[in-house]
Amino acid sequence: MVGRTSKFWFVVVGSVLFMLILYQYVAPGVMNLGSPHAEDEADIYPTPDPHYVKKYYFPIRDLERTVDFQIKGDDVIVFLHIQKTGGTTFGRHLVQNVRLEVPCDCRPGQKKCTCYRPNRKETWLFSRFSTGWSCGLHADWTELTNCVPGVLNKKESKMKSQR
């Protein structure tokens, strides 16, 4: 009988502790168990931190500048993919959702799309979804600046030799 009673109390105390911990996760800050600073906790950040210094400053002229991109000319957009920044979503958006005179041709089941200029079989977009990882997986700025011209020239020479 003693064993059953101790098991019962163990289950009751364990359940109460579990519910108390669960309650703190579900409604944190609601239960102030004797906290002397209960009224101060309501306004955690009353004023901005005077020691905070803006790390990056982007002038309005840089944010509002326009770039004249000629899709019918020789301009190429090189997409620098940075990990964990939404680059995959943005890169996919470039090949699937951008409204162009000649949109990218994305076939079901294929990872790469063909993004040709109007009236020419030359690519206007250098990205993972148009040319693949031609300069290596997650190539950085230095690798791309050294690699892109050579890859584009090689693709152009292949296209000319096929004609």
N, C-alpha and C. Protein backbone atom coordinates (compact mmCIF):
# COMPACT_ATOMS: atom_id res chain seq x y z
N MET A 1 0.81 -1.19 0.00
CA MET A 1 0.00 0.00 0.00
C MET A 1 0.86 1.26 0.00
N VAL A 2 2.01 1.18 0.71
CA VAL A 2 2.91 2.32 0.79
C VAL A 2 3.48 2.64 -0.60
N GLY A 3 3.75 1.62 -1.37
CA GLY A 3 4.28 1.81 -2.71
C GLY A 3 3.30 2.52 -3.62
N ARG A 4 2.01 2.20 -3.49
CA ARG A 4 1.00 2.83 -4.32
C ARG A 4 0.83 4.31 -3.95
N THR A 5 0.87 4.62 -2.67
CA THR A 5 0.70 5.99 -2.21
C THR A 5 1.86 6.86 -2.68
N SER A 6 3.08 6.34 -2.56
CA SER A 6 4.24 7.13 -2.99
C SER A 6 4.23 7.33 -4.50
N LYS A 7 3.77 6.35 -5.27
CA LYS A 7 3.66 6.51 -6.71
C LYS A 7 2.62 7.58 -7.05
N PHE A 8 1.49 7.56 -6.29
CA PHE A 8 0.43 8.54 -6.51
C PHE A 8 0.95 9.95 -6.29
N TRP A 9 1.65 10.19 -5.16
CA TRP A 9 2.18 11.51 -4.86
C TRP A 9 3.27 11.92 -5.85
N PHE A 10 4.05 10.97 -6.31
CA PHE A 10 5.07 11.25 -7.32
C PHE A 10 4.42 11.75 -8.62
N VAL A 11 3.34 11.07 -9.03
CA VAL A 11 2.63 11.46 -10.24
C VAL A 11 1.98 12.84 -10.07
N VAL A 12 1.38 13.11 -8.90
CA VAL A 12 0.73 14.40 -8.64
C VAL A 12 1.75 15.53 -8.65
N VAL A 13 2.84 15.37 -7.90
CA VAL A 13 3.88 16.41 -7.84
C VAL A 13 4.53 16.60 -9.22
N GLY A 14 4.79 15.52 -9.92
CA GLY A 14 5.37 15.61 -11.26
C GLY A 14 4.44 16.33 -12.22
N SER A 15 3.14 16.04 -12.13
CA SER A 15 2.17 16.71 -13.00
C SER A 15 2.08 18.20 -12.70
N VAL A 16 2.11 18.58 -11.42
CA VAL A 16 2.05 19.99 -11.04
C VAL A 16 3.29 20.72 -11.56
N LEU A 17 4.46 20.14 -11.39
CA LEU A 17 5.69 20.76 -11.90
C LEU A 17 5.66 20.88 -13.42
N PHE A 18 5.18 19.84 -14.08
CA PHE A 18 5.08 19.88 -15.54
C PHE A 18 4.15 21.00 -15.98
N MET A 19 2.99 21.13 -15.32
CA MET A 19 2.03 22.18 -15.68
C MET A 19 2.60 23.57 -15.40
N LEU A 20 3.35 23.71 -14.31
CA LEU A 20 3.97 24.99 -13.98
C LEU A 20 4.99 25.40 -15.05
N ILE A 21 5.81 24.46 -15.46
CA ILE A 21 6.80 24.74 -16.50
C ILE A 21 6.11 25.03 -17.82
N LEU A 22 5.09 24.24 -18.16
CA LEU A 22 4.35 24.47 -19.39
C LEU A 22 3.68 25.84 -19.39
N TYR A 23 3.13 26.24 -18.26
CA TYR A 23 2.47 27.53 -18.14
C TYR A 23 3.47 28.68 -18.36
N GLN A 24 4.68 28.53 -17.88
CA GLN A 24 5.70 29.57 -18.06
C GLN A 24 6.10 29.70 -19.52
N TYR A 25 6.08 28.60 -20.29
CA TYR A 25 6.39 28.67 -21.71
C TYR A 25 5.25 29.27 -22.51
N VAL A 26 4.03 28.91 -22.15
CA VAL A 26 2.86 29.38 -22.89
C VAL A 26 2.57 30.85 -22.60
N ALA A 27 2.65 31.24 -21.33
CA ALA A 27 2.34 32.62 -20.94
C ALA A 27 3.49 33.20 -20.12
N PRO A 28 4.64 33.47 -20.74
CA PRO A 28 5.75 34.01 -19.97
C PRO A 28 5.46 35.44 -19.51
N GLY A 29 5.88 35.73 -18.32
CA GLY A 29 5.72 37.07 -17.77
C GLY A 29 4.36 37.32 -17.14
N VAL A 30 3.42 36.41 -17.28
CA VAL A 30 2.10 36.61 -16.69
C VAL A 30 2.15 36.33 -15.20
N MET A 31 2.91 35.33 -14.83
CA MET A 31 2.98 34.93 -13.44
C MET A 31 4.24 35.51 -12.81
N ASN A 32 4.11 36.54 -11.98
CA ASN A 32 5.24 37.13 -11.29
C ASN A 32 5.29 36.55 -9.88
N LEU A 33 6.07 35.53 -9.69
CA LEU A 33 6.13 34.87 -8.40
C LEU A 33 6.97 35.69 -7.43
N GLY A 34 6.42 36.78 -6.95
CA GLY A 34 7.09 37.60 -5.95
C GLY A 34 8.20 38.46 -6.51
N SER A 35 8.16 38.80 -7.79
CA SER A 35 9.20 39.62 -8.38
C SER A 35 9.06 41.06 -7.90
N PRO A 36 10.10 41.66 -7.32
CA PRO A 36 10.00 43.03 -6.82
C PRO A 36 9.93 44.06 -7.96
N HIS A 37 10.31 43.67 -9.18
CA HIS A 37 10.34 44.61 -10.30
C HIS A 37 9.19 44.36 -11.26
N ALA A 38 8.04 44.00 -10.78
CA ALA A 38 6.90 43.65 -11.63
C ALA A 38 6.45 44.83 -12.47
N GLU A 39 6.44 46.05 -11.89
CA GLU A 39 5.97 47.19 -12.65
C GLU A 39 7.01 47.66 -13.66
N ASP A 40 8.31 47.42 -13.42
CA ASP A 40 9.37 47.83 -14.34
C ASP A 40 9.43 46.93 -15.57
N GLU A 41 8.99 45.68 -15.43
CA GLU A 41 9.11 44.73 -16.52
C GLU A 41 8.13 45.01 -17.65
N ALA A 42 7.10 45.80 -17.40
CA ALA A 42 6.11 46.08 -18.44
C ALA A 42 6.72 46.91 -19.57
N ASP A 43 7.64 47.81 -19.25
CA ASP A 43 8.27 48.66 -20.25
C ASP A 43 9.75 48.32 -20.32
N ILE A 44 10.08 47.29 -21.08
CA ILE A 44 11.46 46.78 -21.12
C ILE A 44 12.39 47.76 -21.81
N TYR A 45 11.99 48.32 -22.96
CA TYR A 45 12.83 49.22 -23.73
C TYR A 45 12.16 50.60 -23.82
N PRO A 46 12.23 51.41 -22.78
CA PRO A 46 11.53 52.69 -22.79
C PRO A 46 12.12 53.69 -23.77
N THR A 47 13.45 53.72 -23.92
CA THR A 47 14.09 54.66 -24.85
C THR A 47 15.13 53.91 -25.66
N PRO A 48 15.48 54.43 -26.83
CA PRO A 48 16.53 53.78 -27.62
C PRO A 48 17.87 53.83 -26.88
N ASP A 49 18.68 52.86 -27.14
CA ASP A 49 20.00 52.77 -26.51
C ASP A 49 20.89 53.90 -27.01
N PRO A 50 21.36 54.77 -26.12
CA PRO A 50 22.20 55.89 -26.58
C PRO A 50 23.56 55.44 -27.08
N HIS A 51 23.97 54.21 -26.75
CA HIS A 51 25.28 53.71 -27.16
C HIS A 51 25.24 53.01 -28.51
N TYR A 52 24.02 52.81 -29.04
CA TYR A 52 23.88 52.13 -30.32
C TYR A 52 24.30 53.07 -31.44
N VAL A 53 25.20 52.60 -32.27
CA VAL A 53 25.67 53.38 -33.40
C VAL A 53 25.25 52.64 -34.66
N LYS A 54 24.63 53.36 -35.60
CA LYS A 54 24.23 52.74 -36.85
C LYS A 54 25.47 52.21 -37.54
N LYS A 55 25.45 50.93 -37.86
CA LYS A 55 26.62 50.31 -38.46
C LYS A 55 26.70 50.59 -39.96
N TYR A 56 25.56 50.58 -40.62
CA TYR A 56 25.54 50.80 -42.06
C TYR A 56 24.65 51.99 -42.37
N TYR A 57 25.14 52.84 -43.22
CA TYR A 57 24.35 54.00 -43.63
C TYR A 57 24.28 53.98 -45.15
N PHE A 58 23.07 53.91 -45.67
CA PHE A 58 22.88 53.93 -47.11
C PHE A 58 22.26 55.26 -47.50
N PRO A 59 22.98 56.10 -48.22
CA PRO A 59 22.41 57.38 -48.64
C PRO A 59 21.21 57.16 -49.57
N ILE A 60 20.28 58.10 -49.54
CA ILE A 60 19.07 58.01 -50.36
C ILE A 60 19.43 57.91 -51.84
N ARG A 61 20.45 58.64 -52.27
CA ARG A 61 20.81 58.60 -53.69
C ARG A 61 21.26 57.20 -54.12
N ASP A 62 21.87 56.42 -53.21
CA ASP A 62 22.25 55.05 -53.54
C ASP A 62 21.05 54.12 -53.57
N LEU A 63 20.11 54.35 -52.66
CA LEU A 63 18.93 53.49 -52.59
C LEU A 63 17.97 53.74 -53.74
N GLU A 64 17.94 54.95 -54.26
CA GLU A 64 17.00 55.29 -55.32
C GLU A 64 17.64 55.35 -56.70
N ARG A 65 18.87 54.92 -56.83
CA ARG A 65 19.53 55.01 -58.14
C ARG A 65 18.94 53.97 -59.09
N THR A 66 18.98 54.31 -60.35
CA THR A 66 18.50 53.39 -61.38
C THR A 66 19.68 52.98 -62.24
N VAL A 67 19.61 51.77 -62.73
CA VAL A 67 20.65 51.24 -63.59
C VAL A 67 20.01 50.96 -64.94
N ASP A 68 20.63 51.41 -65.98
CA ASP A 68 20.10 51.21 -67.32
C ASP A 68 20.56 49.85 -67.82
N PHE A 69 19.67 48.85 -67.74
CA PHE A 69 19.98 47.50 -68.19
C PHE A 69 19.38 47.28 -69.57
N GLN A 70 20.22 46.97 -70.53
CA GLN A 70 19.78 46.75 -71.91
C GLN A 70 19.74 45.25 -72.19
N ILE A 71 18.54 44.66 -72.12
CA ILE A 71 18.42 43.22 -72.37
C ILE A 71 18.70 42.89 -73.83
N LYS A 72 18.44 43.85 -74.72
CA LYS A 72 18.70 43.63 -76.14
C LYS A 72 20.16 43.91 -76.50
N GLY A 73 20.90 44.52 -75.58
CA GLY A 73 22.31 44.81 -75.80
C GLY A 73 23.19 43.67 -75.35
N ASP A 74 24.31 44.02 -74.70
CA ASP A 74 25.25 43.00 -74.23
C ASP A 74 25.32 42.91 -72.71
N ASP A 75 24.39 43.56 -72.00
CA ASP A 75 24.41 43.56 -70.54
C ASP A 75 24.03 42.19 -69.98
N VAL A 76 24.67 41.82 -68.89
CA VAL A 76 24.39 40.54 -68.22
C VAL A 76 24.21 40.83 -66.73
N ILE A 77 23.17 40.27 -66.15
CA ILE A 77 22.99 40.35 -64.69
C ILE A 77 23.66 39.12 -64.09
N VAL A 78 24.61 39.36 -63.20
CA VAL A 78 25.28 38.27 -62.50
C VAL A 78 24.71 38.24 -61.09
N PHE A 79 24.06 37.15 -60.74
CA PHE A 79 23.42 37.01 -59.43
C PHE A 79 24.40 36.37 -58.46
N LEU A 80 24.79 37.11 -57.45
CA LEU A 80 25.69 36.62 -56.41
C LEU A 80 24.84 35.99 -55.32
N HIS A 81 24.88 34.67 -55.22
CA HIS A 81 24.06 33.94 -54.25
C HIS A 81 24.80 33.87 -52.92
N ILE A 82 24.17 34.42 -51.89
CA ILE A 82 24.73 34.37 -50.54
C ILE A 82 23.87 33.44 -49.71
N GLN A 83 24.50 32.48 -49.06
CA GLN A 83 23.76 31.47 -48.30
C GLN A 83 22.95 32.09 -47.17
N LYS A 84 21.80 31.47 -46.90
CA LYS A 84 20.93 31.81 -45.77
C LYS A 84 20.41 33.24 -45.80
N THR A 85 20.23 33.79 -47.00
CA THR A 85 19.69 35.16 -47.11
C THR A 85 18.46 35.20 -48.00
N GLY A 86 17.91 34.05 -48.34
CA GLY A 86 16.77 34.01 -49.24
C GLY A 86 17.20 34.04 -50.70
N GLY A 87 18.46 33.74 -50.95
CA GLY A 87 18.99 33.80 -52.31
C GLY A 87 18.37 32.80 -53.25
N THR A 88 18.03 31.61 -52.75
CA THR A 88 17.41 30.61 -53.61
C THR A 88 16.03 31.09 -54.07
N THR A 89 15.26 31.64 -53.15
CA THR A 89 13.93 32.15 -53.49
C THR A 89 14.05 33.30 -54.49
N PHE A 90 14.96 34.23 -54.24
CA PHE A 90 15.13 35.37 -55.14
C PHE A 90 15.63 34.92 -56.51
N GLY A 91 16.57 33.98 -56.53
CA GLY A 91 17.10 33.48 -57.80
C GLY A 91 16.02 32.79 -58.61
N ARG A 92 15.18 32.02 -57.95
CA ARG A 92 14.07 31.36 -58.64
C ARG A 92 13.07 32.41 -59.15
N HIS A 93 12.87 33.46 -58.37
CA HIS A 93 11.98 34.55 -58.79
C HIS A 93 12.50 35.23 -60.06
N LEU A 94 13.81 35.38 -60.17
CA LEU A 94 14.40 36.02 -61.36
C LEU A 94 14.07 35.25 -62.63
N VAL A 95 14.07 33.92 -62.57
CA VAL A 95 13.84 33.15 -63.79
C VAL A 95 12.37 32.82 -64.02
N GLN A 96 11.53 32.88 -62.98
CA GLN A 96 10.14 32.46 -63.16
C GLN A 96 9.14 33.61 -63.19
N ASN A 97 9.36 34.69 -62.47
CA ASN A 97 8.32 35.69 -62.27
C ASN A 97 8.59 37.07 -62.85
N VAL A 98 9.77 37.32 -63.37
CA VAL A 98 10.07 38.65 -63.90
C VAL A 98 9.41 38.78 -65.27
N ARG A 99 8.68 39.86 -65.45
CA ARG A 99 7.97 40.09 -66.72
C ARG A 99 8.92 40.71 -67.74
N LEU A 100 9.18 39.96 -68.79
CA LEU A 100 10.11 40.39 -69.83
C LEU A 100 9.48 40.20 -71.20
N GLU A 101 10.10 40.80 -72.18
CA GLU A 101 9.65 40.62 -73.56
C GLU A 101 9.71 39.14 -73.94
N VAL A 102 10.82 38.50 -73.59
CA VAL A 102 10.97 37.05 -73.78
C VAL A 102 11.30 36.46 -72.41
N PRO A 103 10.32 35.87 -71.73
CA PRO A 103 10.58 35.32 -70.39
C PRO A 103 11.48 34.09 -70.45
N CYS A 104 12.05 33.76 -69.33
CA CYS A 104 12.89 32.57 -69.25
C CYS A 104 12.03 31.33 -69.48
N ASP A 105 12.62 30.34 -70.16
CA ASP A 105 11.91 29.10 -70.45
C ASP A 105 12.29 28.07 -69.39
N CYS A 106 11.35 27.81 -68.48
CA CYS A 106 11.58 26.85 -67.39
C CYS A 106 10.72 25.62 -67.64
N ARG A 107 11.35 24.50 -67.89
CA ARG A 107 10.62 23.26 -68.16
C ARG A 107 10.43 22.48 -66.85
N PRO A 108 9.28 21.83 -66.71
CA PRO A 108 9.03 21.06 -65.48
C PRO A 108 10.06 19.94 -65.31
N GLY A 109 10.52 19.78 -64.09
CA GLY A 109 11.49 18.73 -63.79
C GLY A 109 12.93 19.12 -64.00
N GLN A 110 13.19 20.28 -64.60
CA GLN A 110 14.57 20.72 -64.80
C GLN A 110 14.90 21.83 -63.82
N LYS A 111 16.13 21.83 -63.34
CA LYS A 111 16.54 22.86 -62.38
C LYS A 111 16.96 24.15 -63.06
N LYS A 112 17.47 24.04 -64.29
CA LYS A 112 17.94 25.23 -65.01
C LYS A 112 16.92 25.68 -66.03
N CYS A 113 16.85 27.00 -66.21
CA CYS A 113 15.97 27.60 -67.21
C CYS A 113 16.85 28.28 -68.26
N THR A 114 16.32 28.42 -69.46
CA THR A 114 17.05 29.15 -70.49
C THR A 114 16.52 30.57 -70.54
N CYS A 115 17.39 31.51 -70.34
CA CYS A 115 17.03 32.93 -70.31
C CYS A 115 17.75 33.65 -71.45
N TYR A 116 17.12 33.62 -72.63
CA TYR A 116 17.75 34.22 -73.81
C TYR A 116 17.24 35.63 -74.04
N ARG A 117 18.10 36.40 -74.71
CA ARG A 117 17.72 37.76 -75.11
C ARG A 117 16.71 37.68 -76.26
N PRO A 118 15.94 38.75 -76.44
CA PRO A 118 15.04 38.76 -77.60
C PRO A 118 15.83 38.68 -78.91
N ASN A 119 15.45 37.79 -79.80
CA ASN A 119 16.03 37.62 -81.14
C ASN A 119 17.46 37.08 -81.14
N ARG A 120 17.99 36.64 -79.99
CA ARG A 120 19.35 36.07 -79.93
C ARG A 120 19.38 34.93 -78.93
N LYS A 121 20.22 33.96 -79.15
CA LYS A 121 20.36 32.86 -78.21
C LYS A 121 21.56 33.10 -77.30
N GLU A 122 21.54 34.25 -76.65
CA GLU A 122 22.56 34.60 -75.66
C GLU A 122 21.85 34.84 -74.34
N THR A 123 22.48 34.45 -73.27
CA THR A 123 21.85 34.60 -71.95
C THR A 123 22.07 36.01 -71.40
N TRP A 124 21.07 36.52 -70.72
CA TRP A 124 21.17 37.83 -70.09
C TRP A 124 21.31 37.71 -68.57
N LEU A 125 21.17 36.47 -68.05
CA LEU A 125 21.22 36.23 -66.61
C LEU A 125 22.23 35.14 -66.31
N PHE A 126 23.16 35.44 -65.42
CA PHE A 126 24.13 34.46 -64.97
C PHE A 126 23.79 34.14 -63.53
N SER A 127 23.11 33.02 -63.32
CA SER A 127 22.72 32.62 -61.97
C SER A 127 22.67 31.10 -61.89
N ARG A 128 22.44 30.62 -60.71
CA ARG A 128 22.35 29.19 -60.46
C ARG A 128 21.23 28.56 -61.29
N PHE A 129 20.13 29.28 -61.48
CA PHE A 129 18.98 28.72 -62.18
C PHE A 129 19.02 28.92 -63.69
N SER A 130 20.02 29.66 -64.19
CA SER A 130 20.12 29.82 -65.64
C SER A 130 21.36 29.13 -66.20
N THR A 131 22.46 29.18 -65.50
CA THR A 131 23.69 28.56 -66.00
C THR A 131 24.20 27.45 -65.08
N GLY A 132 23.55 27.27 -63.95
CA GLY A 132 24.03 26.28 -62.98
C GLY A 132 25.15 26.89 -62.14
N TRP A 133 25.83 26.05 -61.41
CA TRP A 133 26.94 26.52 -60.57
C TRP A 133 28.21 26.52 -61.43
N SER A 134 28.24 27.33 -62.47
CA SER A 134 29.35 27.34 -63.43
C SER A 134 30.67 27.77 -62.82
N CYS A 135 30.62 28.59 -61.77
CA CYS A 135 31.86 29.07 -61.14
C CYS A 135 32.09 28.41 -59.78
N GLY A 136 31.40 27.32 -59.51
CA GLY A 136 31.56 26.62 -58.24
C GLY A 136 30.39 26.91 -57.31
N LEU A 137 30.24 26.06 -56.33
CA LEU A 137 29.14 26.18 -55.38
C LEU A 137 29.32 27.41 -54.50
N HIS A 138 28.34 28.28 -54.46
CA HIS A 138 28.34 29.51 -53.67
C HIS A 138 29.61 30.34 -53.92
N ALA A 139 29.89 30.58 -55.19
CA ALA A 139 31.08 31.37 -55.55
C ALA A 139 30.94 32.79 -55.01
N ASP A 140 32.05 33.32 -54.49
CA ASP A 140 32.01 34.67 -53.94
C ASP A 140 32.32 35.69 -55.04
N TRP A 141 32.35 36.96 -54.64
CA TRP A 141 32.54 38.06 -55.60
C TRP A 141 33.82 37.88 -56.41
N THR A 142 34.91 37.55 -55.76
CA THR A 142 36.20 37.40 -56.44
C THR A 142 36.16 36.28 -57.45
N GLU A 143 35.60 35.14 -57.04
CA GLU A 143 35.50 34.01 -57.97
C GLU A 143 34.62 34.34 -59.17
N LEU A 144 33.51 35.03 -58.92
CA LEU A 144 32.61 35.38 -60.02
C LEU A 144 33.25 36.36 -61.00
N THR A 145 33.96 37.38 -60.49
CA THR A 145 34.57 38.36 -61.39
C THR A 145 35.66 37.72 -62.25
N ASN A 146 36.32 36.69 -61.73
CA ASN A 146 37.35 36.01 -62.50
C ASN A 146 36.77 34.96 -63.45
N CYS A 147 35.62 34.40 -63.11
CA CYS A 147 35.09 33.25 -63.82
C CYS A 147 34.04 33.59 -64.88
N VAL A 148 33.17 34.56 -64.61
CA VAL A 148 32.01 34.82 -65.48
C VAL A 148 32.40 35.15 -66.92
N PRO A 149 33.33 36.05 -67.17
CA PRO A 149 33.65 36.35 -68.58
C PRO A 149 34.10 35.11 -69.36
N GLY A 150 34.91 34.27 -68.74
CA GLY A 150 35.37 33.06 -69.42
C GLY A 150 34.23 32.08 -69.70
N VAL A 151 33.32 31.90 -68.75
CA VAL A 151 32.19 31.00 -68.94
C VAL A 151 31.27 31.51 -70.04
N LEU A 152 30.99 32.82 -70.03
CA LEU A 152 30.12 33.39 -71.06
C LEU A 152 30.76 33.31 -72.43
N ASN A 153 32.06 33.56 -72.53
CA ASN A 153 32.76 33.45 -73.81
C ASN A 153 32.73 32.01 -74.32
N LYS A 154 32.91 31.05 -73.41
CA LYS A 154 32.88 29.64 -73.79
C LYS A 154 31.49 29.25 -74.31
N LYS A 155 30.43 29.73 -73.64
CA LYS A 155 29.07 29.42 -74.08
C LYS A 155 28.80 30.06 -75.45
N GLU A 156 29.26 31.30 -75.64
CA GLU A 156 29.05 31.99 -76.92
C GLU A 156 29.78 31.27 -78.05
N SER A 157 31.00 30.81 -77.78
CA SER A 157 31.75 30.12 -78.84
C SER A 157 31.11 28.76 -79.17
N LYS A 158 30.53 28.09 -78.19
CA LYS A 158 29.81 26.84 -78.46
C LYS A 158 28.59 27.10 -79.32
N MET A 159 27.86 28.19 -79.01
CA MET A 159 26.67 28.51 -79.78
C MET A 159 27.03 28.86 -81.24
N LYS A 160 28.14 29.58 -81.42
CA LYS A 160 28.55 29.95 -82.78
C LYS A 160 29.02 28.73 -83.56
N SER A 161 29.69 27.79 -82.89
CA SER A 161 30.16 26.58 -83.59
C SER A 161 29.01 25.65 -83.94
N GLN A 162 27.91 25.68 -83.20
CA GLN A 162 26.75 24.84 -83.50
C GLN A 162 25.98 25.38 -84.69
N ARG A 163 26.11 26.65 -85.01
CA ARG A 163 25.37 27.24 -86.13
C ARG A 163 26.01 26.83 -87.39
